[in-house]
């Protein structure tokens, strides 16, 4: 449920609402189709996180507000080596491109119909052009998503849905795994490393990066706000916050008046509280007809 709620159901909404424009002029020979520029943005973010892409902190001229390749870090290395071995996003490029494939016998990524020289040139273009200049984004991207008015609608909806799911579990109707954990996703923005920008290699300008989970995601990491009750000045760990928001917490200063999702019912995804106020004993996602056939049936009924 955590994985589905995080990126799959709403993360891309903020980027699409905020806008993506000035994307590269991709040709028919490009490894990635223009429809996948959203994923290119996420891969570009990894170049920046790990120090291979340098971006200005402040700029006033739009022609100066461009990122560039960290030449000290890439000197003496091929673009393929950086993409596949250093940054670790070649599998993402493979999943987005019909031309790229993994050759198991050689243990390398290749490009259908390309010579080795043509492949090297294609990897150069991918790193030095497509990923370094992925386009412009609106003010609702990633950590700036609270600027998006939809942020407050989406996150309130998620809280209500999670509250319902935990309540059903408390009533013994459906099991729910409350074990705290962290699962790395297969999105282009997650290369499963954490970089220490307080420890930079002077020769390369790169931070020291190790496999791990970013601070703030772990069970007992503290969140930077608290004081939710008048006599409670404490800040909370993630685990404590999760418990605080649970339906079994009598001190929680709010609850929801119902757990019905009529708009989901209209699309034949029926779940939630029954009309008699009870809860379902089982839940199975129904096979959903096409929206067109469903709407036609409504028109017929009318």
C-alpha atoms as a PDB file:
ATOM      1  CA  UNK A   1       0.000   0.000   0.000  1.00  0.00           C
ATOM      2  CA  UNK A   2       2.872   2.342   0.815  1.00  0.00           C
ATOM      3  CA  UNK A   3       4.523   1.788  -2.549  1.00  0.00           C
ATOM      4  CA  UNK A   4       1.271   2.341  -4.433  1.00  0.00           C
ATOM      5  CA  UNK A   5       0.353   5.516  -2.560  1.00  0.00           C
ATOM      6  CA  UNK A   6       3.766   7.122  -2.798  1.00  0.00           C
ATOM      7  CA  UNK A   7       4.761   7.417  -6.430  1.00  0.00           C
ATOM      8  CA  UNK A   8       2.417   5.244  -8.440  1.00  0.00           C
ATOM      9  CA  UNK A   9      -0.779   7.066  -7.563  1.00  0.00           C
ATOM     10  CA  UNK A  10       0.186  10.691  -7.120  1.00  0.00           C
ATOM     11  CA  UNK A  11       3.873  11.525  -7.593  1.00  0.00           C
ATOM     12  CA  UNK A  12       3.613  12.070 -11.333  1.00  0.00           C
ATOM     13  CA  UNK A  13       0.504  14.229 -10.881  1.00  0.00           C
ATOM     14  CA  UNK A  14       2.521  17.049  -9.306  1.00  0.00           C
ATOM     15  CA  UNK A  15       5.013  17.072 -12.166  1.00  0.00           C
ATOM     16  CA  UNK A  16       2.328  16.977 -14.843  1.00  0.00           C
ATOM     17  CA  UNK A  17       0.320  19.759 -13.180  1.00  0.00           C
ATOM     18  CA  UNK A  18       3.452  21.839 -12.648  1.00  0.00           C
ATOM     19  CA  UNK A  19       4.454  21.408 -16.273  1.00  0.00           C
ATOM     20  CA  UNK A  20       7.379  20.064 -18.254  1.00  0.00           C
ATOM     21  CA  UNK A  21       8.558  22.041 -21.259  1.00  0.00           C
ATOM     22  CA  UNK A  22      11.661  22.975 -23.273  1.00  0.00           C
ATOM     23  CA  UNK A  23      12.414  19.270 -23.548  1.00  0.00           C
ATOM     24  CA  UNK A  24      15.193  18.119 -25.888  1.00  0.00           C
ATOM     25  CA  UNK A  25      14.424  17.944 -29.572  1.00  0.00           C
ATOM     26  CA  UNK A  26      14.522  14.162 -29.721  1.00  0.00           C
ATOM     27  CA  UNK A  27      14.949  12.707 -33.198  1.00  0.00           C
ATOM     28  CA  UNK A  28      13.843   9.356 -34.558  1.00  0.00           C
ATOM     29  CA  UNK A  29      17.323   8.072 -33.697  1.00  0.00           C
ATOM     30  CA  UNK A  30      16.981   8.954 -30.006  1.00  0.00           C
ATOM     31  CA  UNK A  31      17.145   6.089 -27.550  1.00  0.00           C
ATOM     32  CA  UNK A  32      14.218   7.450 -25.530  1.00  0.00           C
ATOM     33  CA  UNK A  33      10.888   8.632 -26.871  1.00  0.00           C
ATOM     34  CA  UNK A  34       9.684  12.142 -26.017  1.00  0.00           C
ATOM     35  CA  UNK A  35       6.704  10.677 -24.129  1.00  0.00           C
ATOM     36  CA  UNK A  36       9.158   9.421 -21.488  1.00  0.00           C
ATOM     37  CA  UNK A  37      10.612  12.828 -20.615  1.00  0.00           C
ATOM     38  CA  UNK A  38       9.034  12.565 -17.161  1.00  0.00           C
ATOM     39  CA  UNK A  39      11.341   9.612 -16.450  1.00  0.00           C
ATOM     40  CA  UNK A  40      14.275  11.477 -17.969  1.00  0.00           C
ATOM     41  CA  UNK A  41      13.739  14.190 -15.357  1.00  0.00           C
ATOM     42  CA  UNK A  42      13.994  11.593 -12.601  1.00  0.00           C
ATOM     43  CA  UNK A  43      17.187  10.124 -14.052  1.00  0.00           C
ATOM     44  CA  UNK A  44      18.665  13.606 -14.393  1.00  0.00           C
ATOM     45  CA  UNK A  45      17.948  14.188 -10.722  1.00  0.00           C
ATOM     46  CA  UNK A  46      20.182  11.231  -9.929  1.00  0.00           C
ATOM     47  CA  UNK A  47      23.052  12.773 -11.885  1.00  0.00           C
ATOM     48  CA  UNK A  48      22.649  15.893  -9.761  1.00  0.00           C
ATOM     49  CA  UNK A  49      22.309  13.973  -6.487  1.00  0.00           C
ATOM     50  CA  UNK A  50      25.533  12.091  -7.105  1.00  0.00           C
ATOM     51  CA  UNK A  51      27.489  15.091  -8.346  1.00  0.00           C
ATOM     52  CA  UNK A  52      27.790  14.301 -12.035  1.00  0.00           C
ATOM     53  CA  UNK A  53      25.535  17.211 -12.974  1.00  0.00           C
ATOM     54  CA  UNK A  54      26.196  20.724 -11.653  1.00  0.00           C
ATOM     55  CA  UNK A  55      23.336  23.213 -11.470  1.00  0.00           C
ATOM     56  CA  UNK A  56      23.437  26.902 -10.459  1.00  0.00           C
ATOM     57  CA  UNK A  57      21.939  27.658  -7.063  1.00  0.00           C
ATOM     58  CA  UNK A  58      20.818  31.149  -8.113  1.00  0.00           C
ATOM     59  CA  UNK A  59      20.462  32.647 -11.579  1.00  0.00           C
ATOM     60  CA  UNK A  60      18.565  35.488 -13.201  1.00  0.00           C
ATOM     61  CA  UNK A  61      19.237  35.022 -16.902  1.00  0.00           C
ATOM     62  CA  UNK A  62      17.247  32.058 -18.298  1.00  0.00           C
ATOM     63  CA  UNK A  63      20.141  31.276 -20.632  1.00  0.00           C
ATOM     64  CA  UNK A  64      22.416  30.907 -17.610  1.00  0.00           C
ATOM     65  CA  UNK A  65      19.955  28.732 -15.677  1.00  0.00           C
ATOM     66  CA  UNK A  66      21.225  25.522 -17.185  1.00  0.00           C
ATOM     67  CA  UNK A  67      22.950  22.560 -15.650  1.00  0.00           C
ATOM     68  CA  UNK A  68      26.195  21.180 -17.002  1.00  0.00           C
ATOM     69  CA  UNK A  69      28.248  18.018 -16.816  1.00  0.00           C
ATOM     70  CA  UNK A  70      30.846  17.779 -14.037  1.00  0.00           C
ATOM     71  CA  UNK A  71      33.867  17.480 -16.291  1.00  0.00           C
ATOM     72  CA  UNK A  72      36.247  16.703 -13.417  1.00  0.00           C
ATOM     73  CA  UNK A  73      34.118  13.711 -12.437  1.00  0.00           C
ATOM     74  CA  UNK A  74      33.693  12.372 -15.965  1.00  0.00           C
ATOM     75  CA  UNK A  75      37.205  12.941 -17.282  1.00  0.00           C
ATOM     76  CA  UNK A  76      38.798   9.711 -18.479  1.00  0.00           C
ATOM     77  CA  UNK A  77      35.584   7.689 -18.221  1.00  0.00           C
ATOM     78  CA  UNK A  78      33.235   6.641 -20.975  1.00  0.00           C
ATOM     79  CA  UNK A  79      29.616   7.713 -20.920  1.00  0.00           C
ATOM     80  CA  UNK A  80      28.618   4.047 -20.784  1.00  0.00           C
ATOM     81  CA  UNK A  81      30.705   3.463 -17.653  1.00  0.00           C
ATOM     82  CA  UNK A  82      29.145   6.464 -15.917  1.00  0.00           C
ATOM     83  CA  UNK A  83      25.573   5.500 -16.841  1.00  0.00           C
ATOM     84  CA  UNK A  84      25.891   1.780 -16.155  1.00  0.00           C
ATOM     85  CA  UNK A  85      28.420   1.465 -13.354  1.00  0.00           C
ATOM     86  CA  UNK A  86      28.723   4.756 -11.529  1.00  0.00           C
ATOM     87  CA  UNK A  87      25.204   6.176 -11.498  1.00  0.00           C
ATOM     88  CA  UNK A  88      23.422   2.882 -12.099  1.00  0.00           C
ATOM     89  CA  UNK A  89      20.556   3.983 -14.338  1.00  0.00           C
ATOM     90  CA  UNK A  90      21.217   1.896 -17.429  1.00  0.00           C
ATOM     91  CA  UNK A  91      18.488  -0.561 -16.448  1.00  0.00           C
ATOM     92  CA  UNK A  92      16.054   2.378 -16.411  1.00  0.00           C
ATOM     93  CA  UNK A  93      17.206   3.454 -19.870  1.00  0.00           C
ATOM     94  CA  UNK A  94      16.727  -0.131 -21.007  1.00  0.00           C
ATOM     95  CA  UNK A  95      13.158  -0.227 -19.674  1.00  0.00           C
ATOM     96  CA  UNK A  96      12.298   3.032 -21.476  1.00  0.00           C
ATOM     97  CA  UNK A  97      13.946   2.260 -24.800  1.00  0.00           C
ATOM     98  CA  UNK A  98      12.955  -0.328 -27.376  1.00  0.00           C
ATOM     99  CA  UNK A  99      16.436  -0.087 -28.872  1.00  0.00           C
ATOM    100  CA  UNK A 100      18.483  -0.864 -25.762  1.00  0.00           C
ATOM    101  CA  UNK A 101      18.856  -4.437 -24.508  1.00  0.00           C
ATOM    102  CA  UNK A 102      21.031  -6.345 -22.064  1.00  0.00           C
ATOM    103  CA  UNK A 103      23.385  -8.876 -23.622  1.00  0.00           C
ATOM    104  CA  UNK A 104      23.733 -11.578 -20.960  1.00  0.00           C
ATOM    105  CA  UNK A 105      26.650 -13.367 -22.632  1.00  0.00           C
ATOM    106  CA  UNK A 106      28.685 -10.150 -22.714  1.00  0.00           C
ATOM    107  CA  UNK A 107      27.150  -8.735 -19.496  1.00  0.00           C
ATOM    108  CA  UNK A 108      26.734  -5.317 -21.147  1.00  0.00           C
ATOM    109  CA  UNK A 109      23.935  -3.180 -22.506  1.00  0.00           C
ATOM    110  CA  UNK A 110      23.829  -2.939 -26.283  1.00  0.00           C
ATOM    111  CA  UNK A 111      21.745  -1.103 -28.888  1.00  0.00           C
ATOM    112  CA  UNK A 112      19.971  -2.983 -31.650  1.00  0.00           C
ATOM    113  CA  UNK A 113      21.549  -2.407 -35.069  1.00  0.00           C
ATOM    114  CA  UNK A 114      24.373  -0.156 -33.777  1.00  0.00           C
ATOM    115  CA  UNK A 115      28.090  -0.652 -34.240  1.00  0.00           C
ATOM    116  CA  UNK A 116      30.351  -0.158 -31.226  1.00  0.00           C
ATOM    117  CA  UNK A 117      31.267   3.353 -32.409  1.00  0.00           C
ATOM    118  CA  UNK A 118      27.609   4.219 -32.933  1.00  0.00           C
ATOM    119  CA  UNK A 119      26.793   2.883 -29.485  1.00  0.00           C
ATOM    120  CA  UNK A 120      29.514   5.002 -27.884  1.00  0.00           C
ATOM    121  CA  UNK A 121      28.162   8.090 -29.647  1.00  0.00           C
ATOM    122  CA  UNK A 122      24.606   7.249 -28.499  1.00  0.00           C
ATOM    123  CA  UNK A 123      25.718   6.892 -24.871  1.00  0.00           C
ATOM    124  CA  UNK A 124      27.508  10.255 -25.163  1.00  0.00           C
ATOM    125  CA  UNK A 125      24.328  11.890 -26.448  1.00  0.00           C
ATOM    126  CA  UNK A 126      22.263  10.313 -23.679  1.00  0.00           C
ATOM    127  CA  UNK A 127      24.589  11.537 -20.917  1.00  0.00           C
ATOM    128  CA  UNK A 128      25.843  14.837 -22.286  1.00  0.00           C
ATOM    129  CA  UNK A 129      22.691  16.125 -23.991  1.00  0.00           C
ATOM    130  CA  UNK A 130      19.462  14.326 -23.096  1.00  0.00           C
ATOM    131  CA  UNK A 131      20.115  13.911 -19.366  1.00  0.00           C
ATOM    132  CA  UNK A 132      22.015  17.149 -18.779  1.00  0.00           C
ATOM    133  CA  UNK A 133      19.324  19.258 -20.456  1.00  0.00           C
ATOM    134  CA  UNK A 134      16.061  17.404 -19.728  1.00  0.00           C
ATOM    135  CA  UNK A 135      13.913  20.514 -20.021  1.00  0.00           C
ATOM    136  CA  UNK A 136      12.225  22.885 -17.609  1.00  0.00           C
ATOM    137  CA  UNK A 137       9.849  22.040 -14.795  1.00  0.00           C
ATOM    138  CA  UNK A 138       7.169  23.909 -12.903  1.00  0.00           C
ATOM    139  CA  UNK A 139       7.235  24.917  -9.250  1.00  0.00           C
ATOM    140  CA  UNK A 140       5.337  21.815  -8.125  1.00  0.00           C
ATOM    141  CA  UNK A 141       8.053  19.263  -8.880  1.00  0.00           C
ATOM    142  CA  UNK A 142       9.287  16.833  -6.221  1.00  0.00           C
ATOM    143  CA  UNK A 143       9.925  18.534  -2.871  1.00  0.00           C
ATOM    144  CA  UNK A 144       8.058  21.644  -4.015  1.00  0.00           C
ATOM    145  CA  UNK A 145       4.841  19.673  -4.510  1.00  0.00           C
ATOM    146  CA  UNK A 146       3.034  21.472  -1.631  1.00  0.00           C
ATOM    147  CA  UNK A 147       2.805  24.439  -4.029  1.00  0.00           C
ATOM    148  CA  UNK A 148       0.318  22.316  -5.977  1.00  0.00           C
ATOM    149  CA  UNK A 149      -3.271  22.911  -4.741  1.00  0.00           C
ATOM    150  CA  UNK A 150      -3.944  19.237  -5.455  1.00  0.00           C
ATOM    151  CA  UNK A 151      -1.367  18.360  -2.792  1.00  0.00           C
ATOM    152  CA  UNK A 152      -3.830  19.087   0.006  1.00  0.00           C
ATOM    153  CA  UNK A 153      -6.633  17.123  -1.653  1.00  0.00           C
ATOM    154  CA  UNK A 154      -4.452  14.109  -2.405  1.00  0.00           C
ATOM    155  CA  UNK A 155      -2.750  13.818   0.961  1.00  0.00           C
ATOM    156  CA  UNK A 156      -5.984  14.202   2.900  1.00  0.00           C
ATOM    157  CA  UNK A 157      -7.490  11.460   0.760  1.00  0.00           C
ATOM    158  CA  UNK A 158      -4.519   9.186   1.459  1.00  0.00           C
ATOM    159  CA  UNK A 159      -4.854   9.773   5.208  1.00  0.00           C
ATOM    160  CA  UNK A 160      -8.566   8.906   5.067  1.00  0.00           C
ATOM    161  CA  UNK A 161      -7.899   5.753   3.053  1.00  0.00           C
ATOM    162  CA  UNK A 162      -5.135   4.597   5.404  1.00  0.00           C
ATOM    163  CA  UNK A 163      -7.329   5.373   8.441  1.00  0.00           C
ATOM    164  CA  UNK A 164     -10.096   3.199   6.946  1.00  0.00           C
ATOM    165  CA  UNK A 165      -7.735   0.338   6.149  1.00  0.00           C
ATOM    166  CA  UNK A 166      -6.321   0.321   9.679  1.00  0.00           C
ATOM    167  CA  UNK A 167      -9.816   0.538  11.185  1.00  0.00           C
ATOM    168  CA  UNK A 168     -10.990  -2.496   9.208  1.00  0.00           C
ATOM    169  CA  UNK A 169      -7.937  -4.379  10.482  1.00  0.00           C
ATOM    170  CA  UNK A 170      -8.679  -3.405  14.098  1.00  0.00           C
ATOM    171  CA  UNK A 171     -12.182  -4.799  13.715  1.00  0.00           C
ATOM    172  CA  UNK A 172     -10.684  -8.104  12.585  1.00  0.00           C
ATOM    173  CA  UNK A 173     -12.222  -7.943   9.118  1.00  0.00           C
ATOM    174  CA  UNK A 174      -9.134  -7.806   6.924  1.00  0.00           C
ATOM    175  CA  UNK A 175      -5.478  -8.269   7.911  1.00  0.00           C
ATOM    176  CA  UNK A 176      -3.121  -5.355   7.464  1.00  0.00           C
ATOM    177  CA  UNK A 177       0.658  -5.488   7.832  1.00  0.00           C
ATOM    178  CA  UNK A 178       1.779  -2.595  10.044  1.00  0.00           C
ATOM    179  CA  UNK A 179       5.434  -3.665  10.070  1.00  0.00           C
ATOM    180  CA  UNK A 180       7.678  -0.669   9.532  1.00  0.00           C
ATOM    181  CA  UNK A 181      10.140  -0.971   6.684  1.00  0.00           C
ATOM    182  CA  UNK A 182      11.584   0.644   3.612  1.00  0.00           C
ATOM    183  CA  UNK A 183      11.491  -0.840   0.134  1.00  0.00           C
ATOM    184  CA  UNK A 184      13.589   0.618  -2.656  1.00  0.00           C
ATOM    185  CA  UNK A 185      11.510   1.236  -5.737  1.00  0.00           C
ATOM    186  CA  UNK A 186      12.427   0.573  -9.361  1.00  0.00           C
ATOM    187  CA  UNK A 187      11.778   4.185 -10.375  1.00  0.00           C
ATOM    188  CA  UNK A 188      14.584   6.070 -12.139  1.00  0.00           C
ATOM    189  CA  UNK A 189      14.929   8.413  -9.148  1.00  0.00           C
ATOM    190  CA  UNK A 190      16.016   5.627  -6.773  1.00  0.00           C
ATOM    191  CA  UNK A 191      19.519   4.232  -7.280  1.00  0.00           C
ATOM    192  CA  UNK A 192      19.629   2.975  -3.671  1.00  0.00           C
ATOM    193  CA  UNK A 193      22.552   5.163  -2.622  1.00  0.00           C
ATOM    194  CA  UNK A 194      22.904   8.027  -0.152  1.00  0.00           C
ATOM    195  CA  UNK A 195      25.494  10.734  -0.844  1.00  0.00           C
ATOM    196  CA  UNK A 196      27.381  12.664   1.840  1.00  0.00           C
ATOM    197  CA  UNK A 197      27.876  16.220   0.550  1.00  0.00           C
ATOM    198  CA  UNK A 198      29.924  17.025   3.636  1.00  0.00           C
ATOM    199  CA  UNK A 199      32.579  14.644   2.343  1.00  0.00           C
ATOM    200  CA  UNK A 200      33.603  15.655  -1.189  1.00  0.00           C
ATOM    201  CA  UNK A 201      36.531  14.290  -3.188  1.00  0.00           C
ATOM    202  CA  UNK A 202      38.630  17.318  -4.162  1.00  0.00           C
ATOM    203  CA  UNK A 203      39.917  15.656  -7.330  1.00  0.00           C
ATOM    204  CA  UNK A 204      36.524  14.751  -8.756  1.00  0.00           C
ATOM    205  CA  UNK A 205      34.147  17.089  -6.947  1.00  0.00           C
ATOM    206  CA  UNK A 206      31.979  14.080  -6.144  1.00  0.00           C
ATOM    207  CA  UNK A 207      30.445  13.309  -2.751  1.00  0.00           C
ATOM    208  CA  UNK A 208      30.997   9.962  -1.089  1.00  0.00           C
ATOM    209  CA  UNK A 209      27.979   7.791  -1.942  1.00  0.00           C
ATOM    210  CA  UNK A 210      27.071   4.499  -0.262  1.00  0.00           C
ATOM    211  CA  UNK A 211      24.153   2.111  -0.421  1.00  0.00           C
ATOM    212  CA  UNK A 212      21.508   3.032   2.108  1.00  0.00           C
ATOM    213  CA  UNK A 213      18.293   4.864   2.942  1.00  0.00           C
ATOM    214  CA  UNK A 214      18.065   8.648   3.121  1.00  0.00           C
ATOM    215  CA  UNK A 215      17.744  10.062   6.646  1.00  0.00           C
ATOM    216  CA  UNK A 216      14.136  10.707   7.545  1.00  0.00           C
ATOM    217  CA  UNK A 217      12.744   7.495   6.037  1.00  0.00           C
ATOM    218  CA  UNK A 218      13.674   5.148   8.869  1.00  0.00           C
ATOM    219  CA  UNK A 219      11.366   4.001  11.643  1.00  0.00           C
ATOM    220  CA  UNK A 220      12.987   5.954  14.453  1.00  0.00           C
ATOM    221  CA  UNK A 221      14.073   9.043  12.519  1.00  0.00           C
ATOM    222  CA  UNK A 222      12.497  12.217  13.884  1.00  0.00           C
ATOM    223  CA  UNK A 223      10.178  14.322  11.767  1.00  0.00           C
ATOM    224  CA  UNK A 224      10.830  18.090  11.982  1.00  0.00           C
ATOM    225  CA  UNK A 225       7.499  19.155  13.503  1.00  0.00           C
ATOM    226  CA  UNK A 226       5.273  18.281  16.424  1.00  0.00           C
ATOM    227  CA  UNK A 227       3.211  19.913  19.180  1.00  0.00           C
ATOM    228  CA  UNK A 228      -0.047  18.414  17.898  1.00  0.00           C
ATOM    229  CA  UNK A 229      -1.825  18.653  21.244  1.00  0.00           C
ATOM    230  CA  UNK A 230      -1.976  21.553  23.701  1.00  0.00           C
ATOM    231  CA  UNK A 231      -0.084  19.688  26.414  1.00  0.00           C
ATOM    232  CA  UNK A 232       2.209  17.778  24.067  1.00  0.00           C
ATOM    233  CA  UNK A 233       5.268  19.804  22.974  1.00  0.00           C
ATOM    234  CA  UNK A 234       7.099  16.729  21.698  1.00  0.00           C
ATOM    235  CA  UNK A 235       8.329  15.979  18.224  1.00  0.00           C
ATOM    236  CA  UNK A 236       7.786  12.472  16.908  1.00  0.00           C
ATOM    237  CA  UNK A 237       9.662   9.696  15.197  1.00  0.00           C
ATOM    238  CA  UNK A 238       8.070   8.224  12.100  1.00  0.00           C
ATOM    239  CA  UNK A 239       6.871   5.251  14.123  1.00  0.00           C
ATOM    240  CA  UNK A 240       5.380   7.459  16.843  1.00  0.00           C
ATOM    241  CA  UNK A 241       3.656   9.628  14.243  1.00  0.00           C
ATOM    242  CA  UNK A 242       2.169   6.540  12.609  1.00  0.00           C
ATOM    243  CA  UNK A 243       0.800   5.411  15.967  1.00  0.00           C
ATOM    244  CA  UNK A 244      -0.507   8.901  16.716  1.00  0.00           C
ATOM    245  CA  UNK A 245      -2.511   8.907  13.465  1.00  0.00           C
ATOM    246  CA  UNK A 246      -4.028   5.502  14.163  1.00  0.00           C
ATOM    247  CA  UNK A 247      -7.822   5.186  14.586  1.00  0.00           C
ATOM    248  CA  UNK A 248      -7.254   3.553  17.990  1.00  0.00           C
ATOM    249  CA  UNK A 249      -5.678   6.753  19.367  1.00  0.00           C
ATOM    250  CA  UNK A 250      -8.364   8.410  21.514  1.00  0.00           C
ATOM    251  CA  UNK A 251      -6.333  11.643  21.595  1.00  0.00           C
ATOM    252  CA  UNK A 252      -6.380  12.048  17.817  1.00  0.00           C
ATOM    253  CA  UNK A 253      -8.191  15.384  17.412  1.00  0.00           C
ATOM    254  CA  UNK A 254     -10.172  14.368  14.331  1.00  0.00           C
ATOM    255  CA  UNK A 255     -11.946  11.496  12.649  1.00  0.00           C
ATOM    256  CA  UNK A 256     -13.885  11.001   9.412  1.00  0.00           C
ATOM    257  CA  UNK A 257     -17.659  11.005   9.122  1.00  0.00           C
ATOM    258  CA  UNK A 258     -17.759   8.206   6.550  1.00  0.00           C
ATOM    259  CA  UNK A 259     -15.638   5.835   4.532  1.00  0.00           C
ATOM    260  CA  UNK A 260     -17.538   5.730   1.287  1.00  0.00           C
ATOM    261  CA  UNK A 261     -15.917   6.462  -2.061  1.00  0.00           C
ATOM    262  CA  UNK A 262     -18.790   7.055  -4.448  1.00  0.00           C
ATOM    263  CA  UNK A 263     -16.514   8.062  -7.311  1.00  0.00           C
ATOM    264  CA  UNK A 264     -14.741   4.694  -7.027  1.00  0.00           C
ATOM    265  CA  UNK A 265     -18.092   2.909  -6.917  1.00  0.00           C
ATOM    266  CA  UNK A 266     -19.012   4.693 -10.142  1.00  0.00           C
ATOM    267  CA  UNK A 267     -15.970   3.103 -11.795  1.00  0.00           C
ATOM    268  CA  UNK A 268     -16.926  -0.324 -10.385  1.00  0.00           C
ATOM    269  CA  UNK A 269     -14.108  -0.342  -7.839  1.00  0.00           C
ATOM    270  CA  UNK A 270     -16.376  -0.964  -4.870  1.00  0.00           C
ATOM    271  CA  UNK A 271     -14.910  -1.016  -1.387  1.00  0.00           C
ATOM    272  CA  UNK A 272     -15.327   0.845   1.853  1.00  0.00           C
ATOM    273  CA  UNK A 273     -18.139   0.960   4.364  1.00  0.00           C
ATOM    274  CA  UNK A 274     -21.336  -0.837   3.446  1.00  0.00           C
ATOM    275  CA  UNK A 275     -24.692   1.007   3.335  1.00  0.00           C
ATOM    276  CA  UNK A 276     -25.657  -0.592   6.667  1.00  0.00           C
ATOM    277  CA  UNK A 277     -22.529   0.807   8.322  1.00  0.00           C
ATOM    278  CA  UNK A 278     -20.688  -2.511   8.388  1.00  0.00           C
ATOM    279  CA  UNK A 279     -17.332  -3.432   6.954  1.00  0.00           C
ATOM    280  CA  UNK A 280     -16.534  -6.063   4.308  1.00  0.00           C
ATOM    281  CA  UNK A 281     -15.117  -9.394   5.422  1.00  0.00           C
ATOM    282  CA  UNK A 282     -13.217  -9.881   2.175  1.00  0.00           C
ATOM    283  CA  UNK A 283     -12.079  -7.679  -0.647  1.00  0.00           C
ATOM    284  CA  UNK A 284     -11.167  -8.617  -4.177  1.00  0.00           C
ATOM    285  CA  UNK A 285     -10.526  -6.109  -6.920  1.00  0.00           C
ATOM    286  CA  UNK A 286     -13.154  -6.775  -9.600  1.00  0.00           C
ATOM    287  CA  UNK A 287     -12.367  -7.048 -13.278  1.00  0.00           C
ATOM    288  CA  UNK A 288     -13.208  -3.640 -14.625  1.00  0.00           C
ATOM    289  CA  UNK A 289     -14.952  -3.141 -17.963  1.00  0.00           C
ATOM    290  CA  UNK A 290     -13.827  -0.372 -20.229  1.00  0.00           C
ATOM    291  CA  UNK A 291     -14.921   3.125 -19.287  1.00  0.00           C
ATOM    292  CA  UNK A 292     -16.733   3.398 -22.623  1.00  0.00           C
ATOM    293  CA  UNK A 293     -18.833   0.263 -22.075  1.00  0.00           C
ATOM    294  CA  UNK A 294     -19.582   1.284 -18.486  1.00  0.00           C
ATOM    295  CA  UNK A 295     -20.775   4.734 -19.548  1.00  0.00           C
ATOM    296  CA  UNK A 296     -22.804   3.250 -22.382  1.00  0.00           C
ATOM    297  CA  UNK A 297     -24.580   1.024 -19.863  1.00  0.00           C
ATOM    298  CA  UNK A 298     -25.463   4.093 -17.794  1.00  0.00           C
ATOM    299  CA  UNK A 299     -26.839   5.840 -20.861  1.00  0.00           C
ATOM    300  CA  UNK A 300     -28.899   2.736 -21.689  1.00  0.00           C
ATOM    301  CA  UNK A 301     -30.309   2.620 -18.174  1.00  0.00           C
ATOM    302  CA  UNK A 302     -31.238   6.287 -18.307  1.00  0.00           C
END
